[in-house]
């Protein structure tokens, strides 16, 4: 079912996950995507000029696709509707399109965010075309898969494709600092443990925050967390591969680079 609750609905902080409490609210809060959101970058320019078009956000998990769509809708005064292609079908799409038409008649446009848009089949993807063309909806699709292979050419021709980066070390450090400020305590990581924590996050900001929340719940203020202790607090996850196995080759490339950069 589509989600239409307020973009940044209030809820008591103690019951909200840390990742939700630290969800960016402005473009300036988003980390790791300066190529799209820095001064003069394409997506920031479109947002500042209120000249948004339908778009596909392609990037790995936890890089900020959903958050970015919410910020764009909020900043442009658009009605925000969220669907997951995993749980939605044509019936849900029809309801959203009818609601968007009604909103348009009242002078307000709808930004429809579709998570995992590559999960829709070709016929389902075709259903968007007339509503994108006539401006009933501004479509923002999120995918972890290469859109050139997974999305209809007709849909791609009506949308800009923006590639979001896996979060780098600097971005992960910013997230750690924000998390500690929100928690009101500094987690005392030994250097090796800190490196291991970021390596386990694998560029996924949401997963990093979930680990930090687990660590904070299980440790005492001032406790030093070394690599061995870290291993007892959080579980290492399996590597994430995409359908085309590009993630596999990226992982191998990263391994080779790390080996070349290590001491003999």
C-alpha atoms as a PDB file:
ATOM      1  CA  UNK A   1       0.000   0.000   0.000  1.00  0.00           C
ATOM      2  CA  UNK A   2       1.237   3.525  -0.713  1.00  0.00           C
ATOM      3  CA  UNK A   3       2.620   5.501   2.208  1.00  0.00           C
ATOM      4  CA  UNK A   4       1.401   9.084   2.457  1.00  0.00           C
ATOM      5  CA  UNK A   5       2.212  10.026   6.072  1.00  0.00           C
ATOM      6  CA  UNK A   6       3.952  13.360   6.655  1.00  0.00           C
ATOM      7  CA  UNK A   7       7.477  13.315   5.288  1.00  0.00           C
ATOM      8  CA  UNK A   8       9.178  13.722   8.639  1.00  0.00           C
ATOM      9  CA  UNK A   9       6.421  12.589  10.990  1.00  0.00           C
ATOM     10  CA  UNK A  10       7.130  13.193  14.659  1.00  0.00           C
ATOM     11  CA  UNK A  11       7.535  10.238  17.012  1.00  0.00           C
ATOM     12  CA  UNK A  12       9.143   9.953  20.408  1.00  0.00           C
ATOM     13  CA  UNK A  13      12.894   9.623  19.891  1.00  0.00           C
ATOM     14  CA  UNK A  14      13.233   6.754  22.335  1.00  0.00           C
ATOM     15  CA  UNK A  15      11.128   4.468  20.119  1.00  0.00           C
ATOM     16  CA  UNK A  16      12.628   5.550  16.798  1.00  0.00           C
ATOM     17  CA  UNK A  17      15.634   3.700  15.390  1.00  0.00           C
ATOM     18  CA  UNK A  18      18.813   5.757  15.283  1.00  0.00           C
ATOM     19  CA  UNK A  19      18.863   5.595  11.475  1.00  0.00           C
ATOM     20  CA  UNK A  20      15.425   7.227  11.384  1.00  0.00           C
ATOM     21  CA  UNK A  21      16.357   9.909  13.915  1.00  0.00           C
ATOM     22  CA  UNK A  22      19.394  10.821  11.824  1.00  0.00           C
ATOM     23  CA  UNK A  23      17.636  10.798   8.472  1.00  0.00           C
ATOM     24  CA  UNK A  24      18.825  13.921   6.586  1.00  0.00           C
ATOM     25  CA  UNK A  25      16.220  16.652   6.217  1.00  0.00           C
ATOM     26  CA  UNK A  26      17.977  18.934   3.738  1.00  0.00           C
ATOM     27  CA  UNK A  27      20.294  18.471   0.778  1.00  0.00           C
ATOM     28  CA  UNK A  28      23.140  19.857   2.900  1.00  0.00           C
ATOM     29  CA  UNK A  29      22.632  17.010   5.386  1.00  0.00           C
ATOM     30  CA  UNK A  30      23.181  14.318   2.745  1.00  0.00           C
ATOM     31  CA  UNK A  31      26.707  12.890   2.807  1.00  0.00           C
ATOM     32  CA  UNK A  32      28.770  11.198   0.135  1.00  0.00           C
ATOM     33  CA  UNK A  33      26.940  12.499  -2.945  1.00  0.00           C
ATOM     34  CA  UNK A  34      28.709  15.781  -3.702  1.00  0.00           C
ATOM     35  CA  UNK A  35      28.860  14.935  -7.416  1.00  0.00           C
ATOM     36  CA  UNK A  36      25.057  15.325  -7.449  1.00  0.00           C
ATOM     37  CA  UNK A  37      24.392  17.702  -4.561  1.00  0.00           C
ATOM     38  CA  UNK A  38      27.445  19.941  -4.252  1.00  0.00           C
ATOM     39  CA  UNK A  39      27.373  23.590  -5.409  1.00  0.00           C
ATOM     40  CA  UNK A  40      26.489  23.686  -9.090  1.00  0.00           C
ATOM     41  CA  UNK A  41      25.944  19.918  -9.259  1.00  0.00           C
ATOM     42  CA  UNK A  42      23.048  18.779 -11.477  1.00  0.00           C
ATOM     43  CA  UNK A  43      20.529  17.532  -8.930  1.00  0.00           C
ATOM     44  CA  UNK A  44      21.077  20.445  -6.550  1.00  0.00           C
ATOM     45  CA  UNK A  45      20.631  22.890  -9.425  1.00  0.00           C
ATOM     46  CA  UNK A  46      17.379  21.224 -10.469  1.00  0.00           C
ATOM     47  CA  UNK A  47      16.107  21.317  -6.886  1.00  0.00           C
ATOM     48  CA  UNK A  48      17.069  24.952  -6.289  1.00  0.00           C
ATOM     49  CA  UNK A  49      15.385  26.035  -9.513  1.00  0.00           C
ATOM     50  CA  UNK A  50      12.304  23.889  -8.775  1.00  0.00           C
ATOM     51  CA  UNK A  51      12.897  22.262 -12.152  1.00  0.00           C
ATOM     52  CA  UNK A  52      12.678  18.616 -11.130  1.00  0.00           C
ATOM     53  CA  UNK A  53      11.971  15.978 -13.748  1.00  0.00           C
ATOM     54  CA  UNK A  54      11.213  12.291 -13.407  1.00  0.00           C
ATOM     55  CA  UNK A  55      14.364  10.422 -12.465  1.00  0.00           C
ATOM     56  CA  UNK A  56      15.902   7.087 -11.591  1.00  0.00           C
ATOM     57  CA  UNK A  57      18.244   6.940  -8.593  1.00  0.00           C
ATOM     58  CA  UNK A  58      20.684   4.070  -9.073  1.00  0.00           C
ATOM     59  CA  UNK A  59      22.897   3.106  -6.173  1.00  0.00           C
ATOM     60  CA  UNK A  60      23.701   0.506  -3.510  1.00  0.00           C
ATOM     61  CA  UNK A  61      21.670   0.015  -0.317  1.00  0.00           C
ATOM     62  CA  UNK A  62      22.036   2.664   2.363  1.00  0.00           C
ATOM     63  CA  UNK A  63      23.386   5.438   0.123  1.00  0.00           C
ATOM     64  CA  UNK A  64      20.362   7.734   0.597  1.00  0.00           C
ATOM     65  CA  UNK A  65      17.970   7.118  -2.310  1.00  0.00           C
ATOM     66  CA  UNK A  66      14.740   7.175  -0.278  1.00  0.00           C
ATOM     67  CA  UNK A  67      15.864  10.103   1.856  1.00  0.00           C
ATOM     68  CA  UNK A  68      16.850  12.117  -1.202  1.00  0.00           C
ATOM     69  CA  UNK A  69      13.422  11.597  -2.772  1.00  0.00           C
ATOM     70  CA  UNK A  70      11.733  12.806   0.425  1.00  0.00           C
ATOM     71  CA  UNK A  71      13.927  15.901   0.593  1.00  0.00           C
ATOM     72  CA  UNK A  72      13.233  16.749  -3.058  1.00  0.00           C
ATOM     73  CA  UNK A  73       9.483  16.471  -2.500  1.00  0.00           C
ATOM     74  CA  UNK A  74       9.588  18.558   0.674  1.00  0.00           C
ATOM     75  CA  UNK A  75      11.758  21.256  -0.880  1.00  0.00           C
ATOM     76  CA  UNK A  76       9.538  21.556  -3.939  1.00  0.00           C
ATOM     77  CA  UNK A  77       6.225  21.477  -2.090  1.00  0.00           C
ATOM     78  CA  UNK A  78       5.148  18.245  -3.773  1.00  0.00           C
ATOM     79  CA  UNK A  79       2.826  15.643  -2.333  1.00  0.00           C
ATOM     80  CA  UNK A  80       4.977  12.595  -1.500  1.00  0.00           C
ATOM     81  CA  UNK A  81       3.735   9.055  -2.099  1.00  0.00           C
ATOM     82  CA  UNK A  82       5.940   6.009  -1.565  1.00  0.00           C
ATOM     83  CA  UNK A  83       5.474   2.540  -3.047  1.00  0.00           C
ATOM     84  CA  UNK A  84       7.578  -0.586  -2.985  1.00  0.00           C
ATOM     85  CA  UNK A  85       7.594  -2.577  -6.213  1.00  0.00           C
ATOM     86  CA  UNK A  86       8.009  -5.700  -4.085  1.00  0.00           C
ATOM     87  CA  UNK A  87       4.631  -5.295  -2.397  1.00  0.00           C
ATOM     88  CA  UNK A  88       2.620  -3.318  -4.965  1.00  0.00           C
ATOM     89  CA  UNK A  89       0.895  -4.152  -8.224  1.00  0.00           C
ATOM     90  CA  UNK A  90      -1.270  -2.567 -10.894  1.00  0.00           C
ATOM     91  CA  UNK A  91      -4.213  -2.110  -8.510  1.00  0.00           C
ATOM     92  CA  UNK A  92      -2.123   0.006  -6.126  1.00  0.00           C
ATOM     93  CA  UNK A  93      -0.706   1.990  -9.035  1.00  0.00           C
ATOM     94  CA  UNK A  94      -4.189   2.821 -10.321  1.00  0.00           C
ATOM     95  CA  UNK A  95      -5.164   4.162  -6.887  1.00  0.00           C
ATOM     96  CA  UNK A  96      -2.057   6.326  -6.742  1.00  0.00           C
ATOM     97  CA  UNK A  97      -2.654   7.682 -10.245  1.00  0.00           C
ATOM     98  CA  UNK A  98      -6.251   8.593  -9.385  1.00  0.00           C
ATOM     99  CA  UNK A  99      -5.142  10.310  -6.177  1.00  0.00           C
ATOM    100  CA  UNK A 100      -2.456  12.187  -8.107  1.00  0.00           C
ATOM    101  CA  UNK A 101      -5.043  13.362 -10.645  1.00  0.00           C
ATOM    102  CA  UNK A 102      -7.205  14.693  -7.826  1.00  0.00           C
ATOM    103  CA  UNK A 103      -4.191  16.470  -6.311  1.00  0.00           C
ATOM    104  CA  UNK A 104      -3.323  17.982  -9.703  1.00  0.00           C
ATOM    105  CA  UNK A 105      -6.845  19.382  -9.996  1.00  0.00           C
ATOM    106  CA  UNK A 106      -6.197  21.169  -6.700  1.00  0.00           C
ATOM    107  CA  UNK A 107      -2.965  22.590  -8.102  1.00  0.00           C
ATOM    108  CA  UNK A 108      -0.533  20.284  -6.307  1.00  0.00           C
ATOM    109  CA  UNK A 109       1.742  17.847  -8.087  1.00  0.00           C
ATOM    110  CA  UNK A 110       2.651  14.402  -6.733  1.00  0.00           C
ATOM    111  CA  UNK A 111       6.131  12.959  -6.423  1.00  0.00           C
ATOM    112  CA  UNK A 112       5.734   9.192  -6.596  1.00  0.00           C
ATOM    113  CA  UNK A 113       8.720   7.370  -5.149  1.00  0.00           C
ATOM    114  CA  UNK A 114       8.970   3.724  -6.204  1.00  0.00           C
ATOM    115  CA  UNK A 115      11.517   1.680  -4.301  1.00  0.00           C
ATOM    116  CA  UNK A 116      13.048  -1.323  -6.092  1.00  0.00           C
ATOM    117  CA  UNK A 117      11.427  -0.160  -9.329  1.00  0.00           C
ATOM    118  CA  UNK A 118      13.313  -2.841 -11.254  1.00  0.00           C
ATOM    119  CA  UNK A 119      11.033  -5.424  -9.578  1.00  0.00           C
ATOM    120  CA  UNK A 120       8.128  -4.234 -11.748  1.00  0.00           C
ATOM    121  CA  UNK A 121       7.764  -6.186 -14.976  1.00  0.00           C
ATOM    122  CA  UNK A 122       7.727  -4.485 -18.363  1.00  0.00           C
ATOM    123  CA  UNK A 123       3.924  -4.196 -18.484  1.00  0.00           C
ATOM    124  CA  UNK A 124       3.820  -2.638 -15.015  1.00  0.00           C
ATOM    125  CA  UNK A 125       6.536  -0.182 -15.989  1.00  0.00           C
ATOM    126  CA  UNK A 126       4.528   0.799 -19.064  1.00  0.00           C
ATOM    127  CA  UNK A 127       1.666   1.831 -16.772  1.00  0.00           C
ATOM    128  CA  UNK A 128       3.684   4.860 -15.640  1.00  0.00           C
ATOM    129  CA  UNK A 129       4.216   6.292 -19.112  1.00  0.00           C
ATOM    130  CA  UNK A 130       1.008   8.298 -19.717  1.00  0.00           C
ATOM    131  CA  UNK A 131       1.059   9.778 -16.206  1.00  0.00           C
ATOM    132  CA  UNK A 132       4.710  10.773 -16.477  1.00  0.00           C
ATOM    133  CA  UNK A 133       4.122  12.267 -19.914  1.00  0.00           C
ATOM    134  CA  UNK A 134       1.120  14.394 -18.943  1.00  0.00           C
ATOM    135  CA  UNK A 135       2.712  15.537 -15.671  1.00  0.00           C
ATOM    136  CA  UNK A 136       0.233  13.840 -13.346  1.00  0.00           C
ATOM    137  CA  UNK A 137       3.171  12.424 -11.419  1.00  0.00           C
ATOM    138  CA  UNK A 138       6.836  13.171 -11.058  1.00  0.00           C
ATOM    139  CA  UNK A 139       8.335   9.682 -10.876  1.00  0.00           C
ATOM    140  CA  UNK A 140      11.403   8.972  -8.773  1.00  0.00           C
ATOM    141  CA  UNK A 141      12.425   5.342  -9.032  1.00  0.00           C
ATOM    142  CA  UNK A 142      15.122   3.755  -6.880  1.00  0.00           C
ATOM    143  CA  UNK A 143      17.098   0.722  -7.957  1.00  0.00           C
ATOM    144  CA  UNK A 144      20.199  -1.214  -7.018  1.00  0.00           C
ATOM    145  CA  UNK A 145      20.324  -2.754 -10.505  1.00  0.00           C
ATOM    146  CA  UNK A 146      21.633  -1.304 -13.762  1.00  0.00           C
ATOM    147  CA  UNK A 147      18.588   0.538 -15.175  1.00  0.00           C
ATOM    148  CA  UNK A 148      19.793   0.019 -18.748  1.00  0.00           C
ATOM    149  CA  UNK A 149      19.094  -3.694 -18.325  1.00  0.00           C
ATOM    150  CA  UNK A 150      16.133  -3.641 -15.932  1.00  0.00           C
ATOM    151  CA  UNK A 151      13.942  -0.738 -17.066  1.00  0.00           C
ATOM    152  CA  UNK A 152      11.989  -0.149 -20.260  1.00  0.00           C
ATOM    153  CA  UNK A 153      13.670   2.036 -22.846  1.00  0.00           C
ATOM    154  CA  UNK A 154      10.452   4.076 -23.064  1.00  0.00           C
ATOM    155  CA  UNK A 155      10.559   4.794 -19.332  1.00  0.00           C
ATOM    156  CA  UNK A 156      14.272   5.597 -19.370  1.00  0.00           C
ATOM    157  CA  UNK A 157      13.759   8.056 -22.221  1.00  0.00           C
ATOM    158  CA  UNK A 158      11.401  10.040 -19.981  1.00  0.00           C
ATOM    159  CA  UNK A 159      13.647  10.118 -16.907  1.00  0.00           C
ATOM    160  CA  UNK A 160      17.108  11.267 -15.896  1.00  0.00           C
ATOM    161  CA  UNK A 161      19.352   8.598 -14.395  1.00  0.00           C
ATOM    162  CA  UNK A 162      21.459   9.696 -11.424  1.00  0.00           C
ATOM    163  CA  UNK A 163      24.097   7.375  -9.981  1.00  0.00           C
ATOM    164  CA  UNK A 164      24.548   7.525  -6.209  1.00  0.00           C
ATOM    165  CA  UNK A 165      27.890   6.465  -4.775  1.00  0.00           C
ATOM    166  CA  UNK A 166      28.563   3.898  -2.117  1.00  0.00           C
ATOM    167  CA  UNK A 167      29.464   5.970   0.953  1.00  0.00           C
ATOM    168  CA  UNK A 168      33.213   6.476   1.279  1.00  0.00           C
ATOM    169  CA  UNK A 169      35.337   6.626   4.421  1.00  0.00           C
ATOM    170  CA  UNK A 170      34.840  10.371   4.904  1.00  0.00           C
ATOM    171  CA  UNK A 171      31.054  10.039   4.635  1.00  0.00           C
ATOM    172  CA  UNK A 172      31.008   7.146   7.105  1.00  0.00           C
ATOM    173  CA  UNK A 173      33.067   9.207   9.564  1.00  0.00           C
ATOM    174  CA  UNK A 174      30.514  12.020   9.310  1.00  0.00           C
ATOM    175  CA  UNK A 175      27.751   9.551  10.101  1.00  0.00           C
ATOM    176  CA  UNK A 176      29.656   8.184  13.112  1.00  0.00           C
ATOM    177  CA  UNK A 177      30.134  11.730  14.444  1.00  0.00           C
ATOM    178  CA  UNK A 178      26.436  12.547  14.037  1.00  0.00           C
ATOM    179  CA  UNK A 179      25.440   9.302  15.713  1.00  0.00           C
ATOM    180  CA  UNK A 180      27.639   9.982  18.727  1.00  0.00           C
ATOM    181  CA  UNK A 181      26.257  13.511  19.044  1.00  0.00           C
ATOM    182  CA  UNK A 182      22.706  12.163  18.993  1.00  0.00           C
ATOM    183  CA  UNK A 183      23.502   9.399  21.482  1.00  0.00           C
ATOM    184  CA  UNK A 184      25.207  11.926  23.754  1.00  0.00           C
ATOM    185  CA  UNK A 185      28.344   9.816  24.146  1.00  0.00           C
ATOM    186  CA  UNK A 186      31.574   9.036  22.342  1.00  0.00           C
ATOM    187  CA  UNK A 187      32.117   5.382  21.517  1.00  0.00           C
ATOM    188  CA  UNK A 188      35.736   4.561  22.353  1.00  0.00           C
ATOM    189  CA  UNK A 189      36.836   2.523  19.338  1.00  0.00           C
ATOM    190  CA  UNK A 190      40.401   1.303  19.058  1.00  0.00           C
ATOM    191  CA  UNK A 191      41.842   2.183  15.647  1.00  0.00           C
ATOM    192  CA  UNK A 192      41.544  -1.362  14.294  1.00  0.00           C
ATOM    193  CA  UNK A 193      37.966  -1.669  15.550  1.00  0.00           C
ATOM    194  CA  UNK A 194      37.006   1.616  13.927  1.00  0.00           C
ATOM    195  CA  UNK A 195      38.432   0.440  10.604  1.00  0.00           C
ATOM    196  CA  UNK A 196      36.621  -2.879  10.959  1.00  0.00           C
ATOM    197  CA  UNK A 197      33.333  -1.147  11.737  1.00  0.00           C
ATOM    198  CA  UNK A 198      33.541   0.936   8.562  1.00  0.00           C
ATOM    199  CA  UNK A 199      34.595  -2.079   6.522  1.00  0.00           C
ATOM    200  CA  UNK A 200      31.577  -4.032   7.792  1.00  0.00           C
ATOM    201  CA  UNK A 201      29.294  -1.145   6.841  1.00  0.00           C
ATOM    202  CA  UNK A 202      30.520  -1.546   3.241  1.00  0.00           C
ATOM    203  CA  UNK A 203      29.363   1.928   2.262  1.00  0.00           C
ATOM    204  CA  UNK A 204      25.867   1.469   3.728  1.00  0.00           C
ATOM    205  CA  UNK A 205      25.015   4.347   6.056  1.00  0.00           C
ATOM    206  CA  UNK A 206      21.851   2.745   7.392  1.00  0.00           C
ATOM    207  CA  UNK A 207      23.666  -0.475   8.291  1.00  0.00           C
ATOM    208  CA  UNK A 208      26.429   1.528   9.980  1.00  0.00           C
ATOM    209  CA  UNK A 209      23.886   3.338  12.163  1.00  0.00           C
ATOM    210  CA  UNK A 210      22.171   0.072  13.057  1.00  0.00           C
ATOM    211  CA  UNK A 211      25.525  -1.348  14.196  1.00  0.00           C
ATOM    212  CA  UNK A 212      26.325   1.772  16.214  1.00  0.00           C
ATOM    213  CA  UNK A 213      22.946   1.552  17.923  1.00  0.00           C
ATOM    214  CA  UNK A 214      23.616  -2.085  18.843  1.00  0.00           C
ATOM    215  CA  UNK A 215      27.080  -1.237  20.150  1.00  0.00           C
ATOM    216  CA  UNK A 216      25.817   1.673  22.263  1.00  0.00           C
ATOM    217  CA  UNK A 217      23.119  -0.523  23.802  1.00  0.00           C
ATOM    218  CA  UNK A 218      25.642  -3.180  24.845  1.00  0.00           C
ATOM    219  CA  UNK A 219      28.555  -1.089  26.110  1.00  0.00           C
ATOM    220  CA  UNK A 220      29.191   1.221  29.030  1.00  0.00           C
ATOM    221  CA  UNK A 221      30.292   4.854  28.656  1.00  0.00           C
ATOM    222  CA  UNK A 222      34.077   5.028  28.477  1.00  0.00           C
ATOM    223  CA  UNK A 223      34.504   1.349  27.594  1.00  0.00           C
ATOM    224  CA  UNK A 224      37.225   0.764  25.012  1.00  0.00           C
ATOM    225  CA  UNK A 225      36.013  -1.301  22.069  1.00  0.00           C
ATOM    226  CA  UNK A 226      38.761  -3.280  20.377  1.00  0.00           C
ATOM    227  CA  UNK A 227      38.373  -5.476  17.298  1.00  0.00           C
ATOM    228  CA  UNK A 228      37.724  -8.620  19.346  1.00  0.00           C
ATOM    229  CA  UNK A 229      35.047  -6.904  21.426  1.00  0.00           C
ATOM    230  CA  UNK A 230      33.469  -5.480  18.275  1.00  0.00           C
ATOM    231  CA  UNK A 231      33.082  -9.003  16.920  1.00  0.00           C
ATOM    232  CA  UNK A 232      30.977  -9.951  19.945  1.00  0.00           C
ATOM    233  CA  UNK A 233      28.726  -6.903  19.616  1.00  0.00           C
ATOM    234  CA  UNK A 234      27.735  -6.962  15.944  1.00  0.00           C
ATOM    235  CA  UNK A 235      27.489  -9.569  13.221  1.00  0.00           C
ATOM    236  CA  UNK A 236      29.375  -9.299   9.954  1.00  0.00           C
ATOM    237  CA  UNK A 237      26.979  -9.551   7.022  1.00  0.00           C
ATOM    238  CA  UNK A 238      27.497 -11.369   3.745  1.00  0.00           C
ATOM    239  CA  UNK A 239      28.736  -9.288   0.780  1.00  0.00           C
ATOM    240  CA  UNK A 240      25.953  -7.752  -1.294  1.00  0.00           C
ATOM    241  CA  UNK A 241      25.993  -8.688  -4.973  1.00  0.00           C
ATOM    242  CA  UNK A 242      23.760  -7.220  -7.645  1.00  0.00           C
ATOM    243  CA  UNK A 243      22.049  -9.316 -10.295  1.00  0.00           C
ATOM    244  CA  UNK A 244      24.614  -8.538 -12.969  1.00  0.00           C
ATOM    245  CA  UNK A 245      27.467  -9.524 -10.618  1.00  0.00           C
ATOM    246  CA  UNK A 246      28.974  -6.025 -10.957  1.00  0.00           C
ATOM    247  CA  UNK A 247      29.232  -5.999  -7.177  1.00  0.00           C
ATOM    248  CA  UNK A 248      31.337  -9.157  -7.362  1.00  0.00           C
ATOM    249  CA  UNK A 249      33.899  -7.527  -9.633  1.00  0.00           C
ATOM    250  CA  UNK A 250      33.839  -4.294  -7.629  1.00  0.00           C
ATOM    251  CA  UNK A 251      34.612  -6.342  -4.518  1.00  0.00           C
ATOM    252  CA  UNK A 252      37.526  -8.082  -6.247  1.00  0.00           C
ATOM    253  CA  UNK A 253      38.826  -4.716  -7.471  1.00  0.00           C
ATOM    254  CA  UNK A 254      38.645  -3.272  -3.955  1.00  0.00           C
ATOM    255  CA  UNK A 255      40.487  -6.307  -2.595  1.00  0.00           C
ATOM    256  CA  UNK A 256      43.262  -5.929  -5.168  1.00  0.00           C
ATOM    257  CA  UNK A 257      43.630  -2.234  -4.347  1.00  0.00           C
ATOM    258  CA  UNK A 258      43.797  -2.936  -0.627  1.00  0.00           C
ATOM    259  CA  UNK A 259      46.458  -5.598  -1.187  1.00  0.00           C
ATOM    260  CA  UNK A 260      48.528  -3.250  -3.355  1.00  0.00           C
ATOM    261  CA  UNK A 261      48.248  -0.551  -0.708  1.00  0.00           C
ATOM    262  CA  UNK A 262      49.221  -2.791   2.213  1.00  0.00           C
ATOM    263  CA  UNK A 263      52.670  -3.367   3.645  1.00  0.00           C
ATOM    264  CA  UNK A 264      54.545  -6.379   2.212  1.00  0.00           C
END
